[in-house]
Amino acid sequence: MNTRSISKTSLNILQLLLQINFNVSVIFVLVVSLMSLAGSDIFFENNSDLYGPLANNLRMVLLYLCFVQLAVYGFYQMHSNYAAVFTLGAFLLILIVSLQFYSIINQIEIDPSYQQIFLYVGLSHVLYGGICVLRKNNG
């Protein structure tokens, strides 16, 4: 067995694992978004500062994120467009910084679970989309 076939097999296995993780992250973000919108505090603390004066701002962001996730996932499935997956992942990673800015401007403490969820989902999208784009471009 030559090294080229070993590395190709390794890349195929890595891509499969990243695809499984990507699909899990999509399901996870949809569940988290819907549960948060329903008022569940399983994933996020029910912080009175967060859900008091600025009622439901982040819940609505999660709802929009849910719709965007569905749209990008549908587009990815229909057109095998991995760049859209990569781009959404990058957006989710940027959203972490945006949340910190939002927290500072509004002088409220935001549950760190938001950042952890966006980090996991963003990295899942970036890694899977990135490896697929690279493999598609290299033939």
N, C-alpha and C. Protein backbone atom coordinates (compact mmCIF):
# COMPACT_ATOMS: atom_id res chain seq x y z
N MET A 1 0.85 -1.17 0.00
CA MET A 1 0.00 0.00 0.00
C MET A 1 0.90 1.24 0.00
N ASN A 2 0.64 2.13 -0.92
CA ASN A 2 1.49 3.32 -0.99
C ASN A 2 0.97 4.44 -0.09
N THR A 3 1.81 5.42 0.11
CA THR A 3 1.47 6.51 1.04
C THR A 3 0.33 7.37 0.51
N ARG A 4 0.21 7.45 -0.80
CA ARG A 4 -0.87 8.27 -1.38
C ARG A 4 -2.24 7.69 -1.03
N SER A 5 -2.38 6.38 -1.12
CA SER A 5 -3.68 5.78 -0.80
C SER A 5 -3.96 5.83 0.70
N ILE A 6 -2.90 5.75 1.52
CA ILE A 6 -3.08 5.87 2.97
C ILE A 6 -3.54 7.27 3.33
N SER A 7 -2.91 8.28 2.73
CA SER A 7 -3.30 9.65 3.05
C SER A 7 -4.70 9.96 2.51
N LYS A 8 -5.05 9.38 1.36
CA LYS A 8 -6.40 9.60 0.82
C LYS A 8 -7.44 8.94 1.74
N THR A 9 -7.13 7.75 2.22
CA THR A 9 -8.03 7.07 3.15
C THR A 9 -8.16 7.86 4.45
N SER A 10 -7.05 8.38 4.94
CA SER A 10 -7.07 9.18 6.17
C SER A 10 -7.92 10.44 5.98
N LEU A 11 -7.77 11.09 4.83
CA LEU A 11 -8.58 12.28 4.55
C LEU A 11 -10.06 11.94 4.44
N ASN A 12 -10.35 10.80 3.83
CA ASN A 12 -11.76 10.37 3.72
C ASN A 12 -12.36 10.12 5.10
N ILE A 13 -11.59 9.47 5.97
CA ILE A 13 -12.07 9.21 7.33
C ILE A 13 -12.24 10.52 8.09
N LEU A 14 -11.26 11.43 7.96
CA LEU A 14 -11.35 12.73 8.63
C LEU A 14 -12.57 13.49 8.13
N GLN A 15 -12.79 13.49 6.82
CA GLN A 15 -13.94 14.19 6.26
C GLN A 15 -15.25 13.58 6.76
N LEU A 16 -15.31 12.26 6.85
CA LEU A 16 -16.51 11.60 7.36
C LEU A 16 -16.78 11.99 8.81
N LEU A 17 -15.73 11.99 9.63
CA LEU A 17 -15.89 12.39 11.04
C LEU A 17 -16.32 13.85 11.16
N LEU A 18 -15.74 14.71 10.33
CA LEU A 18 -16.13 16.13 10.36
C LEU A 18 -17.56 16.31 9.87
N GLN A 19 -17.97 15.50 8.90
CA GLN A 19 -19.35 15.58 8.41
C GLN A 19 -20.34 15.15 9.49
N ILE A 20 -20.02 14.08 10.19
CA ILE A 20 -20.88 13.63 11.29
C ILE A 20 -20.97 14.72 12.36
N ASN A 21 -19.82 15.29 12.74
CA ASN A 21 -19.79 16.36 13.73
C ASN A 21 -20.57 17.58 13.24
N PHE A 22 -20.44 17.91 11.97
CA PHE A 22 -21.16 19.04 11.38
C PHE A 22 -22.67 18.83 11.50
N ASN A 23 -23.13 17.64 11.12
CA ASN A 23 -24.57 17.35 11.19
C ASN A 23 -25.07 17.39 12.63
N VAL A 24 -24.28 16.88 13.56
CA VAL A 24 -24.64 16.95 14.98
C VAL A 24 -24.72 18.41 15.43
N SER A 25 -23.78 19.24 14.98
CA SER A 25 -23.79 20.65 15.39
C SER A 25 -25.00 21.39 14.82
N VAL A 26 -25.42 21.02 13.61
CA VAL A 26 -26.61 21.64 13.03
C VAL A 26 -27.84 21.30 13.87
N ILE A 27 -27.99 20.02 14.19
CA ILE A 27 -29.12 19.59 15.02
C ILE A 27 -29.05 20.27 16.39
N PHE A 28 -27.85 20.34 16.95
CA PHE A 28 -27.65 20.94 18.26
C PHE A 28 -28.07 22.41 18.27
N VAL A 29 -27.64 23.19 17.28
CA VAL A 29 -27.98 24.61 17.27
C VAL A 29 -29.48 24.80 17.06
N LEU A 30 -30.12 23.93 16.30
CA LEU A 30 -31.56 24.04 16.12
C LEU A 30 -32.30 23.74 17.43
N VAL A 31 -31.87 22.70 18.13
CA VAL A 31 -32.50 22.34 19.41
C VAL A 31 -32.28 23.45 20.44
N VAL A 32 -31.05 23.94 20.53
CA VAL A 32 -30.75 25.01 21.50
C VAL A 32 -31.58 26.25 21.19
N SER A 33 -31.66 26.62 19.92
CA SER A 33 -32.42 27.82 19.54
C SER A 33 -33.89 27.68 19.91
N LEU A 34 -34.48 26.55 19.57
CA LEU A 34 -35.90 26.36 19.85
C LEU A 34 -36.19 26.25 21.34
N MET A 35 -35.31 25.57 22.07
CA MET A 35 -35.52 25.45 23.51
C MET A 35 -35.35 26.79 24.22
N SER A 36 -34.38 27.57 23.77
CA SER A 36 -34.18 28.89 24.37
C SER A 36 -35.37 29.80 24.08
N LEU A 37 -35.88 29.72 22.86
CA LEU A 37 -37.04 30.53 22.49
C LEU A 37 -38.26 30.14 23.31
N ALA A 38 -38.36 28.86 23.64
CA ALA A 38 -39.49 28.38 24.46
C ALA A 38 -39.33 28.74 25.93
N GLY A 39 -38.18 29.31 26.30
CA GLY A 39 -37.98 29.74 27.68
C GLY A 39 -37.27 28.74 28.56
N SER A 40 -36.79 27.66 27.98
CA SER A 40 -36.08 26.65 28.75
C SER A 40 -34.74 27.20 29.21
N ASP A 41 -34.34 26.83 30.43
CA ASP A 41 -33.04 27.28 30.93
C ASP A 41 -32.06 26.11 31.03
N ILE A 42 -32.25 25.10 30.19
CA ILE A 42 -31.35 23.94 30.18
C ILE A 42 -29.96 24.35 29.69
N PHE A 43 -29.90 25.15 28.63
CA PHE A 43 -28.61 25.53 28.05
C PHE A 43 -28.09 26.86 28.57
N PHE A 44 -29.00 27.78 28.86
CA PHE A 44 -28.60 29.12 29.28
C PHE A 44 -29.25 29.46 30.61
N GLU A 45 -28.50 30.22 31.42
CA GLU A 45 -29.06 30.70 32.69
C GLU A 45 -30.20 31.67 32.39
N ASN A 46 -31.22 31.61 33.19
CA ASN A 46 -32.30 32.58 33.06
C ASN A 46 -31.90 33.83 33.82
N ASN A 47 -31.07 34.64 33.21
CA ASN A 47 -30.51 35.83 33.82
C ASN A 47 -31.52 36.98 33.70
N SER A 48 -31.91 37.56 34.80
CA SER A 48 -32.91 38.63 34.76
C SER A 48 -32.41 39.85 34.00
N ASP A 49 -31.10 40.12 34.05
CA ASP A 49 -30.55 41.23 33.25
C ASP A 49 -30.72 40.95 31.77
N LEU A 50 -30.48 39.71 31.39
CA LEU A 50 -30.52 39.36 29.98
C LEU A 50 -31.95 39.33 29.46
N TYR A 51 -32.85 38.76 30.22
CA TYR A 51 -34.22 38.62 29.74
C TYR A 51 -35.17 39.63 30.36
N GLY A 52 -34.63 40.59 31.09
CA GLY A 52 -35.46 41.62 31.69
C GLY A 52 -35.59 42.83 30.78
N PRO A 53 -34.72 43.85 30.99
CA PRO A 53 -34.86 45.10 30.25
C PRO A 53 -34.68 44.93 28.74
N LEU A 54 -33.87 44.01 28.34
CA LEU A 54 -33.66 43.77 26.91
C LEU A 54 -34.35 42.47 26.52
N ALA A 55 -35.61 42.37 26.90
CA ALA A 55 -36.36 41.12 26.80
C ALA A 55 -36.25 40.48 25.42
N ASN A 56 -35.76 39.27 25.47
CA ASN A 56 -35.77 38.37 24.32
C ASN A 56 -34.85 38.75 23.16
N ASN A 57 -33.96 39.72 23.33
CA ASN A 57 -33.06 40.06 22.22
C ASN A 57 -32.25 38.86 21.75
N LEU A 58 -31.58 38.18 22.68
CA LEU A 58 -30.76 37.04 22.27
C LEU A 58 -31.60 35.85 21.86
N ARG A 59 -32.77 35.72 22.43
CA ARG A 59 -33.66 34.65 21.98
C ARG A 59 -34.06 34.87 20.53
N MET A 60 -34.33 36.10 20.16
CA MET A 60 -34.68 36.39 18.77
C MET A 60 -33.48 36.16 17.85
N VAL A 61 -32.29 36.50 18.32
CA VAL A 61 -31.08 36.24 17.53
C VAL A 61 -30.96 34.74 17.29
N LEU A 62 -31.23 33.94 18.32
CA LEU A 62 -31.17 32.49 18.15
C LEU A 62 -32.24 31.99 17.19
N LEU A 63 -33.41 32.61 17.19
CA LEU A 63 -34.45 32.23 16.23
C LEU A 63 -33.99 32.54 14.81
N TYR A 64 -33.43 33.73 14.60
CA TYR A 64 -32.92 34.08 13.27
C TYR A 64 -31.79 33.13 12.87
N LEU A 65 -30.95 32.80 13.83
CA LEU A 65 -29.86 31.87 13.56
C LEU A 65 -30.41 30.50 13.15
N CYS A 66 -31.49 30.10 13.76
CA CYS A 66 -32.15 28.84 13.42
C CYS A 66 -32.61 28.87 11.96
N PHE A 67 -33.24 29.97 11.55
CA PHE A 67 -33.69 30.10 10.16
C PHE A 67 -32.51 30.13 9.18
N VAL A 68 -31.48 30.88 9.54
CA VAL A 68 -30.29 30.94 8.68
C VAL A 68 -29.64 29.57 8.57
N GLN A 69 -29.57 28.86 9.68
CA GLN A 69 -28.98 27.52 9.68
C GLN A 69 -29.76 26.60 8.75
N LEU A 70 -31.07 26.65 8.81
CA LEU A 70 -31.90 25.83 7.93
C LEU A 70 -31.70 26.20 6.46
N ALA A 71 -31.63 27.50 6.18
CA ALA A 71 -31.44 27.94 4.80
C ALA A 71 -30.08 27.51 4.26
N VAL A 72 -29.03 27.71 5.03
CA VAL A 72 -27.68 27.34 4.58
C VAL A 72 -27.57 25.82 4.44
N TYR A 73 -28.14 25.08 5.37
CA TYR A 73 -28.08 23.62 5.29
C TYR A 73 -28.84 23.11 4.06
N GLY A 74 -29.99 23.70 3.78
CA GLY A 74 -30.74 23.34 2.57
C GLY A 74 -29.96 23.67 1.31
N PHE A 75 -29.35 24.84 1.28
CA PHE A 75 -28.55 25.26 0.13
C PHE A 75 -27.35 24.32 -0.06
N TYR A 76 -26.71 23.98 1.04
CA TYR A 76 -25.57 23.06 1.01
C TYR A 76 -25.99 21.69 0.48
N GLN A 77 -27.14 21.19 0.93
CA GLN A 77 -27.61 19.88 0.50
C GLN A 77 -28.01 19.88 -0.98
N MET A 78 -28.65 20.93 -1.44
CA MET A 78 -29.12 20.98 -2.82
C MET A 78 -28.00 21.21 -3.82
N HIS A 79 -27.02 22.03 -3.45
CA HIS A 79 -25.99 22.44 -4.41
C HIS A 79 -24.59 21.98 -4.05
N SER A 80 -24.43 21.22 -2.98
CA SER A 80 -23.10 20.81 -2.49
C SER A 80 -22.17 22.01 -2.38
N ASN A 81 -22.70 23.10 -1.84
CA ASN A 81 -21.93 24.32 -1.71
C ASN A 81 -21.31 24.38 -0.31
N TYR A 82 -20.06 23.94 -0.26
CA TYR A 82 -19.36 23.88 1.02
C TYR A 82 -18.89 25.26 1.46
N ALA A 83 -18.75 26.18 0.52
CA ALA A 83 -18.32 27.54 0.87
C ALA A 83 -19.37 28.22 1.75
N ALA A 84 -20.64 27.92 1.53
CA ALA A 84 -21.70 28.49 2.36
C ALA A 84 -21.58 27.99 3.79
N VAL A 85 -21.24 26.72 3.95
CA VAL A 85 -21.05 26.14 5.28
C VAL A 85 -19.87 26.82 5.97
N PHE A 86 -18.77 26.98 5.24
CA PHE A 86 -17.58 27.63 5.77
C PHE A 86 -17.89 29.07 6.18
N THR A 87 -18.61 29.78 5.34
CA THR A 87 -18.95 31.18 5.60
C THR A 87 -19.83 31.31 6.84
N LEU A 88 -20.82 30.44 6.98
CA LEU A 88 -21.67 30.49 8.17
C LEU A 88 -20.85 30.20 9.42
N GLY A 89 -19.91 29.27 9.33
CA GLY A 89 -19.03 28.99 10.46
C GLY A 89 -18.21 30.20 10.86
N ALA A 90 -17.66 30.89 9.86
CA ALA A 90 -16.89 32.11 10.14
C ALA A 90 -17.78 33.17 10.79
N PHE A 91 -19.01 33.29 10.30
CA PHE A 91 -19.96 34.24 10.88
C PHE A 91 -20.24 33.91 12.34
N LEU A 92 -20.40 32.63 12.65
CA LEU A 92 -20.67 32.22 14.03
C LEU A 92 -19.49 32.53 14.94
N LEU A 93 -18.28 32.37 14.43
CA LEU A 93 -17.10 32.70 15.23
C LEU A 93 -17.00 34.20 15.47
N ILE A 94 -17.36 34.99 14.47
CA ILE A 94 -17.37 36.45 14.62
C ILE A 94 -18.46 36.87 15.61
N LEU A 95 -19.53 36.10 15.65
CA LEU A 95 -20.64 36.39 16.56
C LEU A 95 -20.21 36.35 18.02
N ILE A 96 -19.18 35.57 18.32
CA ILE A 96 -18.66 35.52 19.70
C ILE A 96 -18.16 36.89 20.12
N VAL A 97 -17.40 37.54 19.25
CA VAL A 97 -16.89 38.88 19.53
C VAL A 97 -18.04 39.88 19.59
N SER A 98 -19.01 39.72 18.71
CA SER A 98 -20.16 40.61 18.70
C SER A 98 -20.94 40.52 20.01
N LEU A 99 -21.04 39.32 20.57
CA LEU A 99 -21.73 39.17 21.86
C LEU A 99 -21.00 39.90 22.97
N GLN A 100 -19.68 39.85 22.94
CA GLN A 100 -18.90 40.58 23.95
C GLN A 100 -19.14 42.08 23.82
N PHE A 101 -19.17 42.57 22.59
CA PHE A 101 -19.44 43.98 22.34
C PHE A 101 -20.85 44.35 22.82
N TYR A 102 -21.82 43.51 22.50
CA TYR A 102 -23.21 43.70 22.94
C TYR A 102 -23.28 43.78 24.46
N SER A 103 -22.54 42.92 25.11
CA SER A 103 -22.50 42.88 26.57
C SER A 103 -21.95 44.17 27.15
N ILE A 104 -20.88 44.67 26.55
CA ILE A 104 -20.25 45.91 27.04
C ILE A 104 -21.16 47.11 26.80
N ILE A 105 -21.71 47.22 25.61
CA ILE A 105 -22.57 48.36 25.26
C ILE A 105 -23.81 48.42 26.16
N ASN A 106 -24.44 47.28 26.37
CA ASN A 106 -25.68 47.24 27.16
C ASN A 106 -25.44 47.03 28.65
N GLN A 107 -24.17 46.91 29.04
CA GLN A 107 -23.77 46.74 30.43
C GLN A 107 -24.53 45.60 31.12
N ILE A 108 -24.56 44.47 30.45
CA ILE A 108 -25.16 43.27 31.02
C ILE A 108 -24.18 42.12 30.89
N GLU A 109 -24.35 41.16 31.77
CA GLU A 109 -23.52 39.97 31.70
C GLU A 109 -24.26 38.91 30.88
N ILE A 110 -23.57 38.38 29.88
CA ILE A 110 -24.17 37.37 29.02
C ILE A 110 -23.63 36.01 29.42
N ASP A 111 -24.52 35.05 29.48
CA ASP A 111 -24.17 33.68 29.85
C ASP A 111 -23.05 33.17 28.94
N PRO A 112 -21.94 32.69 29.51
CA PRO A 112 -20.82 32.18 28.71
C PRO A 112 -21.19 30.98 27.84
N SER A 113 -22.32 30.35 28.11
CA SER A 113 -22.75 29.22 27.29
C SER A 113 -22.99 29.64 25.84
N TYR A 114 -23.41 30.90 25.63
CA TYR A 114 -23.59 31.38 24.26
C TYR A 114 -22.28 31.28 23.49
N GLN A 115 -21.21 31.76 24.10
CA GLN A 115 -19.91 31.74 23.43
C GLN A 115 -19.44 30.32 23.18
N GLN A 116 -19.66 29.43 24.13
CA GLN A 116 -19.24 28.04 23.96
C GLN A 116 -20.01 27.37 22.83
N ILE A 117 -21.30 27.63 22.75
CA ILE A 117 -22.11 27.04 21.69
C ILE A 117 -21.69 27.59 20.33
N PHE A 118 -21.51 28.90 20.24
CA PHE A 118 -21.10 29.48 18.96
C PHE A 118 -19.70 29.01 18.55
N LEU A 119 -18.82 28.81 19.53
CA LEU A 119 -17.48 28.30 19.23
C LEU A 119 -17.56 26.88 18.66
N TYR A 120 -18.31 26.01 19.32
CA TYR A 120 -18.44 24.63 18.85
C TYR A 120 -19.07 24.57 17.45
N VAL A 121 -20.20 25.24 17.29
CA VAL A 121 -20.91 25.18 16.02
C VAL A 121 -20.09 25.87 14.92
N GLY A 122 -19.48 27.01 15.23
CA GLY A 122 -18.67 27.72 14.24
C GLY A 122 -17.48 26.90 13.79
N LEU A 123 -16.76 26.31 14.73
CA LEU A 123 -15.60 25.48 14.36
C LEU A 123 -16.04 24.25 13.57
N SER A 124 -17.16 23.66 13.94
CA SER A 124 -17.67 22.50 13.19
C SER A 124 -17.93 22.87 11.74
N HIS A 125 -18.56 24.02 11.53
CA HIS A 125 -18.86 24.46 10.17
C HIS A 125 -17.59 24.81 9.40
N VAL A 126 -16.69 25.55 10.05
CA VAL A 126 -15.45 25.97 9.37
C VAL A 126 -14.60 24.76 8.99
N LEU A 127 -14.44 23.83 9.91
CA LEU A 127 -13.59 22.67 9.62
C LEU A 127 -14.18 21.79 8.53
N TYR A 128 -15.47 21.49 8.62
CA TYR A 128 -16.08 20.64 7.60
C TYR A 128 -16.14 21.36 6.25
N GLY A 129 -16.60 22.60 6.25
CA GLY A 129 -16.65 23.36 5.00
C GLY A 129 -15.27 23.56 4.40
N GLY A 130 -14.29 23.83 5.26
CA GLY A 130 -12.92 24.05 4.79
C GLY A 130 -12.31 22.82 4.15
N ILE A 131 -12.43 21.66 4.79
CA ILE A 131 -11.84 20.46 4.21
C ILE A 131 -12.53 20.08 2.90
N CYS A 132 -13.84 20.29 2.83
CA CYS A 132 -14.57 19.97 1.60
C CYS A 132 -14.19 20.92 0.47
N VAL A 133 -14.05 22.20 0.77
CA VAL A 133 -13.64 23.16 -0.26
C VAL A 133 -12.23 22.83 -0.76
N LEU A 134 -11.31 22.53 0.16
CA LEU A 134 -9.94 22.20 -0.24
C LEU A 134 -9.89 20.94 -1.09
N ARG A 135 -10.63 19.93 -0.70
CA ARG A 135 -10.63 18.67 -1.46
C ARG A 135 -11.30 18.85 -2.81
N LYS A 136 -12.33 19.67 -2.87
CA LYS A 136 -13.04 19.93 -4.14
C LYS A 136 -12.13 20.70 -5.10
N ASN A 137 -11.37 21.66 -4.57
CA ASN A 137 -10.47 22.45 -5.41
C ASN A 137 -9.26 21.66 -5.88
N ASN A 138 -8.82 20.67 -5.08
CA ASN A 138 -7.66 19.86 -5.46
C ASN A 138 -8.03 18.68 -6.33
N GLY A 139 -9.30 18.53 -6.60
CA GLY A 139 -9.75 17.49 -7.52
C GLY A 139 -9.91 16.18 -6.89
